[in-house]
């Protein structure tokens, strides 16, 4: 029983160590929109197809601006 517990603990530690950081950010350069307005450079969450780990999702916050997430990620 003790060996099984140690084995499970070891597997959990390996899985935890190989996980990606949740707060990975990508810098976006400033650009001009088609209507001529300028968008300031900013950071956004790392692009992936998951809705729950974005800065704008409820329960998260943007570490650069301090803004709390407001969007319900189940209803986009």
PDB file of N, CA and C in Angstrom:
ATOM      1  N   UNK A   1       0.824  -1.186   0.000  1.00  0.00           N
ATOM      2  CA  UNK A   1       0.000   0.000   0.000  1.00  0.00           C
ATOM      3  C   UNK A   1       0.872   1.255   0.000  1.00  0.00           C
ATOM      4  N   UNK A   2       1.950   1.235   0.781  1.00  0.00           N
ATOM      5  CA  UNK A   2       2.836   2.392   0.857  1.00  0.00           C
ATOM      6  C   UNK A   2       3.545   2.627  -0.484  1.00  0.00           C
ATOM      7  N   UNK A   3       3.909   1.541  -1.157  1.00  0.00           N
ATOM      8  CA  UNK A   3       4.579   1.671  -2.459  1.00  0.00           C
ATOM      9  C   UNK A   3       3.636   2.290  -3.497  1.00  0.00           C
ATOM     10  N   UNK A   4       2.373   1.908  -3.444  1.00  0.00           N
ATOM     11  CA  UNK A   4       1.385   2.464  -4.361  1.00  0.00           C
ATOM     12  C   UNK A   4       1.211   3.965  -4.133  1.00  0.00           C
ATOM     13  N   UNK A   5       1.157   4.364  -2.873  1.00  0.00           N
ATOM     14  CA  UNK A   5       1.025   5.783  -2.546  1.00  0.00           C
ATOM     15  C   UNK A   5       2.233   6.570  -3.035  1.00  0.00           C
ATOM     16  N   UNK A   6       3.417   6.047  -2.845  1.00  0.00           N
ATOM     17  CA  UNK A   6       4.631   6.722  -3.303  1.00  0.00           C
ATOM     18  C   UNK A   6       4.651   6.814  -4.823  1.00  0.00           C
ATOM     19  N   UNK A   7       4.224   5.760  -5.489  1.00  0.00           N
ATOM     20  CA  UNK A   7       4.169   5.767  -6.952  1.00  0.00           C
ATOM     21  C   UNK A   7       3.176   6.813  -7.455  1.00  0.00           C
ATOM     22  N   UNK A   8       1.992   6.869  -6.860  1.00  0.00           N
ATOM     23  CA  UNK A   8       1.005   7.863  -7.261  1.00  0.00           C
ATOM     24  C   UNK A   8       1.492   9.282  -6.999  1.00  0.00           C
ATOM     25  N   UNK A   9       2.151   9.484  -5.883  1.00  0.00           N
ATOM     26  CA  UNK A   9       2.713  10.793  -5.564  1.00  0.00           C
ATOM     27  C   UNK A   9       3.777  11.189  -6.580  1.00  0.00           C
ATOM     28  N   UNK A  10       4.602  10.251  -6.983  1.00  0.00           N
ATOM     29  CA  UNK A  10       5.638  10.506  -7.978  1.00  0.00           C
ATOM     30  C   UNK A  10       5.027  10.871  -9.329  1.00  0.00           C
ATOM     31  N   UNK A  11       4.002  10.138  -9.761  1.00  0.00           N
ATOM     32  CA  UNK A  11       3.331  10.426 -11.034  1.00  0.00           C
ATOM     33  C   UNK A  11       2.671  11.799 -10.984  1.00  0.00           C
ATOM     34  N   UNK A  12       2.027  12.124  -9.870  1.00  0.00           N
ATOM     35  CA  UNK A  12       1.391  13.436  -9.732  1.00  0.00           C
ATOM     36  C   UNK A  12       2.420  14.551  -9.803  1.00  0.00           C
ATOM     37  N   UNK A  13       3.581  14.357  -9.189  1.00  0.00           N
ATOM     38  CA  UNK A  13       4.634  15.376  -9.227  1.00  0.00           C
ATOM     39  C   UNK A  13       5.146  15.583 -10.643  1.00  0.00           C
ATOM     40  N   UNK A  14       5.282  14.533 -11.400  1.00  0.00           N
ATOM     41  CA  UNK A  14       5.748  14.652 -12.787  1.00  0.00           C
ATOM     42  C   UNK A  14       4.702  15.386 -13.632  1.00  0.00           C
ATOM     43  N   UNK A  15       3.435  15.040 -13.457  1.00  0.00           N
ATOM     44  CA  UNK A  15       2.384  15.720 -14.221  1.00  0.00           C
ATOM     45  C   UNK A  15       2.301  17.194 -13.854  1.00  0.00           C
ATOM     46  N   UNK A  16       2.445  17.513 -12.595  1.00  0.00           N
ATOM     47  CA  UNK A  16       2.393  18.896 -12.156  1.00  0.00           C
ATOM     48  C   UNK A  16       3.578  19.698 -12.686  1.00  0.00           C
ATOM     49  N   UNK A  17       4.744  19.101 -12.726  1.00  0.00           N
ATOM     50  CA  UNK A  17       5.946  19.802 -13.189  1.00  0.00           C
ATOM     51  C   UNK A  17       5.915  20.056 -14.696  1.00  0.00           C
ATOM     52  N   UNK A  18       5.209  19.220 -15.445  1.00  0.00           N
ATOM     53  CA  UNK A  18       5.197  19.372 -16.896  1.00  0.00           C
ATOM     54  C   UNK A  18       4.055  20.254 -17.392  1.00  0.00           C
ATOM     55  N   UNK A  19       3.221  20.759 -16.500  1.00  0.00           N
ATOM     56  CA  UNK A  19       2.092  21.598 -16.914  1.00  0.00           C
ATOM     57  C   UNK A  19       2.577  22.972 -17.342  1.00  0.00           C
ATOM     58  N   UNK A  20       1.865  23.580 -18.293  1.00  0.00           N
ATOM     59  CA  UNK A  20       2.195  24.933 -18.741  1.00  0.00           C
ATOM     60  C   UNK A  20       1.772  25.954 -17.709  1.00  0.00           C
ATOM     61  N   UNK A  21       2.486  27.055 -17.622  1.00  0.00           N
ATOM     62  CA  UNK A  21       2.033  28.104 -16.706  1.00  0.00           C
ATOM     63  C   UNK A  21       0.736  28.727 -17.208  1.00  0.00           C
ATOM     64  N   UNK A  22      -0.163  29.029 -16.303  1.00  0.00           N
ATOM     65  CA  UNK A  22      -1.471  29.547 -16.688  1.00  0.00           C
ATOM     66  C   UNK A  22      -1.420  31.009 -17.088  1.00  0.00           C
ATOM     67  N   UNK A  23      -0.402  31.722 -16.653  1.00  0.00           N
ATOM     68  CA  UNK A  23      -0.374  33.155 -16.907  1.00  0.00           C
ATOM     69  C   UNK A  23       0.589  33.530 -18.030  1.00  0.00           C
ATOM     70  N   UNK A  24       0.794  32.635 -18.987  1.00  0.00           N
ATOM     71  CA  UNK A  24       1.659  32.947 -20.113  1.00  0.00           C
ATOM     72  C   UNK A  24       1.052  34.099 -20.914  1.00  0.00           C
ATOM     73  N   UNK A  25       1.874  35.054 -21.263  1.00  0.00           N
ATOM     74  CA  UNK A  25       1.370  36.245 -21.941  1.00  0.00           C
ATOM     75  C   UNK A  25       2.117  36.465 -23.254  1.00  0.00           C
ATOM     76  N   UNK A  26       1.436  37.127 -24.166  1.00  0.00           N
ATOM     77  CA  UNK A  26       1.999  37.471 -25.462  1.00  0.00           C
ATOM     78  C   UNK A  26       1.905  38.979 -25.616  1.00  0.00           C
ATOM     79  N   UNK A  27       3.006  39.601 -26.036  1.00  0.00           N
ATOM     80  CA  UNK A  27       2.992  41.042 -26.256  1.00  0.00           C
ATOM     81  C   UNK A  27       2.451  41.324 -27.642  1.00  0.00           C
ATOM     82  N   UNK A  28       1.523  42.261 -27.730  1.00  0.00           N
ATOM     83  CA  UNK A  28       0.934  42.663 -29.013  1.00  0.00           C
ATOM     84  C   UNK A  28       1.472  44.041 -29.356  1.00  0.00           C
ATOM     85  N   UNK A  29       2.012  44.179 -30.538  1.00  0.00           N
ATOM     86  CA  UNK A  29       2.535  45.485 -30.970  1.00  0.00           C
ATOM     87  C   UNK A  29       1.395  46.441 -31.276  1.00  0.00           C
ATOM     88  N   UNK A  30       1.685  47.717 -31.204  1.00  0.00           N
ATOM     89  CA  UNK A  30       0.689  48.722 -31.582  1.00  0.00           C
ATOM     90  C   UNK A  30       0.406  48.656 -33.067  1.00  0.00           C
ATOM     91  N   UNK A  31      -0.803  48.991 -33.440  1.00  0.00           N
ATOM     92  CA  UNK A  31      -1.175  48.937 -34.859  1.00  0.00           C
ATOM     93  C   UNK A  31      -2.311  49.918 -35.130  1.00  0.00           C
ATOM     94  N   UNK A  32      -2.517  50.201 -36.409  1.00  0.00           N
ATOM     95  CA  UNK A  32      -3.612  51.064 -36.849  1.00  0.00           C
ATOM     96  C   UNK A  32      -4.747  50.200 -37.382  1.00  0.00           C
ATOM     97  N   UNK A  33      -5.950  50.499 -36.951  1.00  0.00           N
ATOM     98  CA  UNK A  33      -7.125  49.817 -37.470  1.00  0.00           C
ATOM     99  C   UNK A  33      -7.488  50.379 -38.836  1.00  0.00           C
ATOM    100  N   UNK A  34      -8.399  49.714 -39.514  1.00  0.00           N
ATOM    101  CA  UNK A  34      -8.780  50.153 -40.865  1.00  0.00           C
ATOM    102  C   UNK A  34      -9.464  51.523 -40.851  1.00  0.00           C
ATOM    103  N   UNK A  35     -10.047  51.914 -39.688  1.00  0.00           N
ATOM    104  CA  UNK A  35     -10.695  53.228 -39.625  1.00  0.00           C
ATOM    105  C   UNK A  35      -9.729  54.329 -39.182  1.00  0.00           C
ATOM    106  N   UNK A  36      -8.437  54.004 -39.040  1.00  0.00           N
ATOM    107  CA  UNK A  36      -7.418  54.995 -38.731  1.00  0.00           C
ATOM    108  C   UNK A  36      -7.081  55.160 -37.264  1.00  0.00           C
ATOM    109  N   UNK A  37      -7.793  54.519 -36.349  1.00  0.00           N
ATOM    110  CA  UNK A  37      -7.482  54.655 -34.918  1.00  0.00           C
ATOM    111  C   UNK A  37      -6.282  53.786 -34.567  1.00  0.00           C
ATOM    112  N   UNK A  38      -5.477  54.279 -33.645  1.00  0.00           N
ATOM    113  CA  UNK A  38      -4.277  53.569 -33.220  1.00  0.00           C
ATOM    114  C   UNK A  38      -4.573  52.761 -31.968  1.00  0.00           C
ATOM    115  N   UNK A  39      -4.157  51.505 -31.954  1.00  0.00           N
ATOM    116  CA  UNK A  39      -4.306  50.631 -30.795  1.00  0.00           C
ATOM    117  C   UNK A  39      -2.941  50.553 -30.112  1.00  0.00           C
ATOM    118  N   UNK A  40      -2.898  50.906 -28.832  1.00  0.00           N
ATOM    119  CA  UNK A  40      -1.654  50.906 -28.060  1.00  0.00           C
ATOM    120  C   UNK A  40      -1.094  49.487 -27.915  1.00  0.00           C
ATOM    121  N   UNK A  41       0.228  49.342 -27.801  1.00  0.00           N
ATOM    122  CA  UNK A  41       0.791  48.015 -27.506  1.00  0.00           C
ATOM    123  C   UNK A  41       0.261  47.515 -26.163  1.00  0.00           C
ATOM    124  N   UNK A  42       0.047  46.220 -26.057  1.00  0.00           N
ATOM    125  CA  UNK A  42      -0.501  45.647 -24.836  1.00  0.00           C
ATOM    126  C   UNK A  42      -0.139  44.168 -24.746  1.00  0.00           C
ATOM    127  N   UNK A  43      -0.469  43.549 -23.633  1.00  0.00           N
ATOM    128  CA  UNK A  43      -0.279  42.119 -23.437  1.00  0.00           C
ATOM    129  C   UNK A  43      -1.635  41.436 -23.440  1.00  0.00           C
ATOM    130  N   UNK A  44      -1.667  40.207 -23.933  1.00  0.00           N
ATOM    131  CA  UNK A  44      -2.876  39.401 -23.873  1.00  0.00           C
ATOM    132  C   UNK A  44      -2.478  37.991 -23.456  1.00  0.00           C
ATOM    133  N   UNK A  45      -3.452  37.202 -23.068  1.00  0.00           N
ATOM    134  CA  UNK A  45      -3.150  35.839 -22.654  1.00  0.00           C
ATOM    135  C   UNK A  45      -2.708  35.021 -23.860  1.00  0.00           C
ATOM    136  N   UNK A  46      -1.972  33.983 -23.589  1.00  0.00           N
ATOM    137  CA  UNK A  46      -1.429  33.129 -24.626  1.00  0.00           C
ATOM    138  C   UNK A  46      -2.559  32.529 -25.460  1.00  0.00           C
ATOM    139  N   UNK A  47      -2.491  32.636 -26.793  1.00  0.00           N
ATOM    140  CA  UNK A  47      -3.591  32.115 -27.607  1.00  0.00           C
ATOM    141  C   UNK A  47      -3.640  30.589 -27.579  1.00  0.00           C
ATOM    142  N   UNK A  48      -4.759  30.069 -27.164  1.00  0.00           N
ATOM    143  CA  UNK A  48      -5.070  28.653 -27.252  1.00  0.00           C
ATOM    144  C   UNK A  48      -6.584  28.568 -27.416  1.00  0.00           C
ATOM    145  N   UNK A  49      -7.106  27.442 -27.535  1.00  0.00           N
ATOM    146  CA  UNK A  49      -8.541  27.340 -27.800  1.00  0.00           C
ATOM    147  C   UNK A  49      -9.365  27.172 -26.531  1.00  0.00           C
ATOM    148  N   UNK A  50      -8.797  27.528 -25.393  1.00  0.00           N
ATOM    149  CA  UNK A  50      -9.503  27.400 -24.119  1.00  0.00           C
ATOM    150  C   UNK A  50     -10.059  28.747 -23.703  1.00  0.00           C
ATOM    151  N   UNK A  51     -11.305  28.784 -23.308  1.00  0.00           N
ATOM    152  CA  UNK A  51     -11.941  30.045 -22.932  1.00  0.00           C
ATOM    153  C   UNK A  51     -11.750  30.380 -21.466  1.00  0.00           C
ATOM    154  N   UNK A  52     -11.532  29.386 -20.629  1.00  0.00           N
ATOM    155  CA  UNK A  52     -11.502  29.637 -19.195  1.00  0.00           C
ATOM    156  C   UNK A  52     -10.185  30.211 -18.696  1.00  0.00           C
ATOM    157  N   UNK A  53      -9.146  30.228 -19.485  1.00  0.00           N
ATOM    158  CA  UNK A  53      -7.877  30.736 -18.992  1.00  0.00           C
ATOM    159  C   UNK A  53      -7.474  32.072 -19.619  1.00  0.00           C
ATOM    160  N   UNK A  54      -8.430  32.812 -20.137  1.00  0.00           N
ATOM    161  CA  UNK A  54      -8.162  34.132 -20.686  1.00  0.00           C
ATOM    162  C   UNK A  54      -8.314  35.193 -19.610  1.00  0.00           C
ATOM    163  N   UNK A  55      -7.643  36.318 -19.778  1.00  0.00           N
ATOM    164  CA  UNK A  55      -7.721  37.390 -18.789  1.00  0.00           C
ATOM    165  C   UNK A  55      -9.139  37.910 -18.626  1.00  0.00           C
ATOM    166  N   UNK A  56      -9.952  37.854 -19.667  1.00  0.00           N
ATOM    167  CA  UNK A  56     -11.298  38.411 -19.581  1.00  0.00           C
ATOM    168  C   UNK A  56     -12.320  37.426 -19.029  1.00  0.00           C
ATOM    169  N   UNK A  57     -11.928  36.186 -18.757  1.00  0.00           N
ATOM    170  CA  UNK A  57     -12.864  35.199 -18.225  1.00  0.00           C
ATOM    171  C   UNK A  57     -13.107  35.428 -16.741  1.00  0.00           C
ATOM    172  N   UNK A  58     -14.336  35.218 -16.315  1.00  0.00           N
ATOM    173  CA  UNK A  58     -14.715  35.398 -14.920  1.00  0.00           C
ATOM    174  C   UNK A  58     -13.848  34.506 -14.025  1.00  0.00           C
ATOM    175  N   UNK A  59     -13.366  35.081 -12.932  1.00  0.00           N
ATOM    176  CA  UNK A  59     -12.501  34.350 -12.014  1.00  0.00           C
ATOM    177  C   UNK A  59     -11.024  34.626 -12.246  1.00  0.00           C
ATOM    178  N   UNK A  60     -10.664  35.215 -13.365  1.00  0.00           N
ATOM    179  CA  UNK A  60      -9.279  35.560 -13.668  1.00  0.00           C
ATOM    180  C   UNK A  60      -9.103  37.067 -13.591  1.00  0.00           C
ATOM    181  N   UNK A  61      -7.867  37.517 -13.643  1.00  0.00           N
ATOM    182  CA  UNK A  61      -7.596  38.945 -13.704  1.00  0.00           C
ATOM    183  C   UNK A  61      -6.365  39.186 -14.557  1.00  0.00           C
ATOM    184  N   UNK A  62      -6.267  40.383 -15.111  1.00  0.00           N
ATOM    185  CA  UNK A  62      -5.136  40.766 -15.933  1.00  0.00           C
ATOM    186  C   UNK A  62      -4.051  41.302 -15.008  1.00  0.00           C
ATOM    187  N   UNK A  63      -2.903  40.649 -14.914  1.00  0.00           N
ATOM    188  CA  UNK A  63      -1.859  41.102 -13.993  1.00  0.00           C
ATOM    189  C   UNK A  63      -1.219  42.425 -14.406  1.00  0.00           C
ATOM    190  N   UNK A  64      -1.395  42.842 -15.643  1.00  0.00           N
ATOM    191  CA  UNK A  64      -0.789  44.085 -16.110  1.00  0.00           C
ATOM    192  C   UNK A  64      -1.666  45.292 -15.824  1.00  0.00           C
ATOM    193  N   UNK A  65      -2.993  45.101 -15.846  1.00  0.00           N
ATOM    194  CA  UNK A  65      -3.896  46.223 -15.614  1.00  0.00           C
ATOM    195  C   UNK A  65      -4.656  46.103 -14.297  1.00  0.00           C
ATOM    196  N   UNK A  66      -4.719  44.902 -13.729  1.00  0.00           N
ATOM    197  CA  UNK A  66      -5.477  44.679 -12.507  1.00  0.00           C
ATOM    198  C   UNK A  66      -6.963  44.493 -12.745  1.00  0.00           C
ATOM    199  N   UNK A  67      -7.396  44.508 -14.008  1.00  0.00           N
ATOM    200  CA  UNK A  67      -8.819  44.357 -14.333  1.00  0.00           C
ATOM    201  C   UNK A  67      -9.252  42.914 -14.093  1.00  0.00           C
ATOM    202  N   UNK A  68     -10.397  42.738 -13.473  1.00  0.00           N
ATOM    203  CA  UNK A  68     -10.956  41.408 -13.222  1.00  0.00           C
ATOM    204  C   UNK A  68     -11.733  40.918 -14.440  1.00  0.00           C
ATOM    205  N   UNK A  69     -11.723  39.604 -14.644  1.00  0.00           N
ATOM    206  CA  UNK A  69     -12.461  39.014 -15.754  1.00  0.00           C
ATOM    207  C   UNK A  69     -13.955  39.149 -15.533  1.00  0.00           C
ATOM    208  N   UNK A  70     -14.682  39.366 -16.598  1.00  0.00           N
ATOM    209  CA  UNK A  70     -16.120  39.613 -16.513  1.00  0.00           C
ATOM    210  C   UNK A  70     -16.930  38.676 -17.395  1.00  0.00           C
ATOM    211  N   UNK A  71     -16.312  37.975 -18.311  1.00  0.00           N
ATOM    212  CA  UNK A  71     -17.047  37.158 -19.273  1.00  0.00           C
ATOM    213  C   UNK A  71     -17.269  35.750 -18.734  1.00  0.00           C
ATOM    214  N   UNK A  72     -18.475  35.237 -18.949  1.00  0.00           N
ATOM    215  CA  UNK A  72     -18.796  33.863 -18.610  1.00  0.00           C
ATOM    216  C   UNK A  72     -18.256  32.996 -19.734  1.00  0.00           C
ATOM    217  N   UNK A  73     -17.268  32.156 -19.466  1.00  0.00           N
ATOM    218  CA  UNK A  73     -16.611  31.415 -20.534  1.00  0.00           C
ATOM    219  C   UNK A  73     -17.474  30.311 -21.118  1.00  0.00           C
ATOM    220  N   UNK A  74     -18.615  29.981 -20.544  1.00  0.00           N
ATOM    221  CA  UNK A  74     -19.494  28.974 -21.124  1.00  0.00           C
ATOM    222  C   UNK A  74     -20.424  29.588 -22.167  1.00  0.00           C
ATOM    223  N   UNK A  75     -20.554  30.904 -22.216  1.00  0.00           N
ATOM    224  CA  UNK A  75     -21.521  31.526 -23.138  1.00  0.00           C
ATOM    225  C   UNK A  75     -20.859  32.542 -24.055  1.00  0.00           C
ATOM    226  N   UNK A  76     -19.822  32.187 -24.749  1.00  0.00           N
ATOM    227  CA  UNK A  76     -19.197  33.122 -25.695  1.00  0.00           C
ATOM    228  C   UNK A  76     -19.814  33.003 -27.019  1.00  0.00           C
TER     229      UNK A  76
END
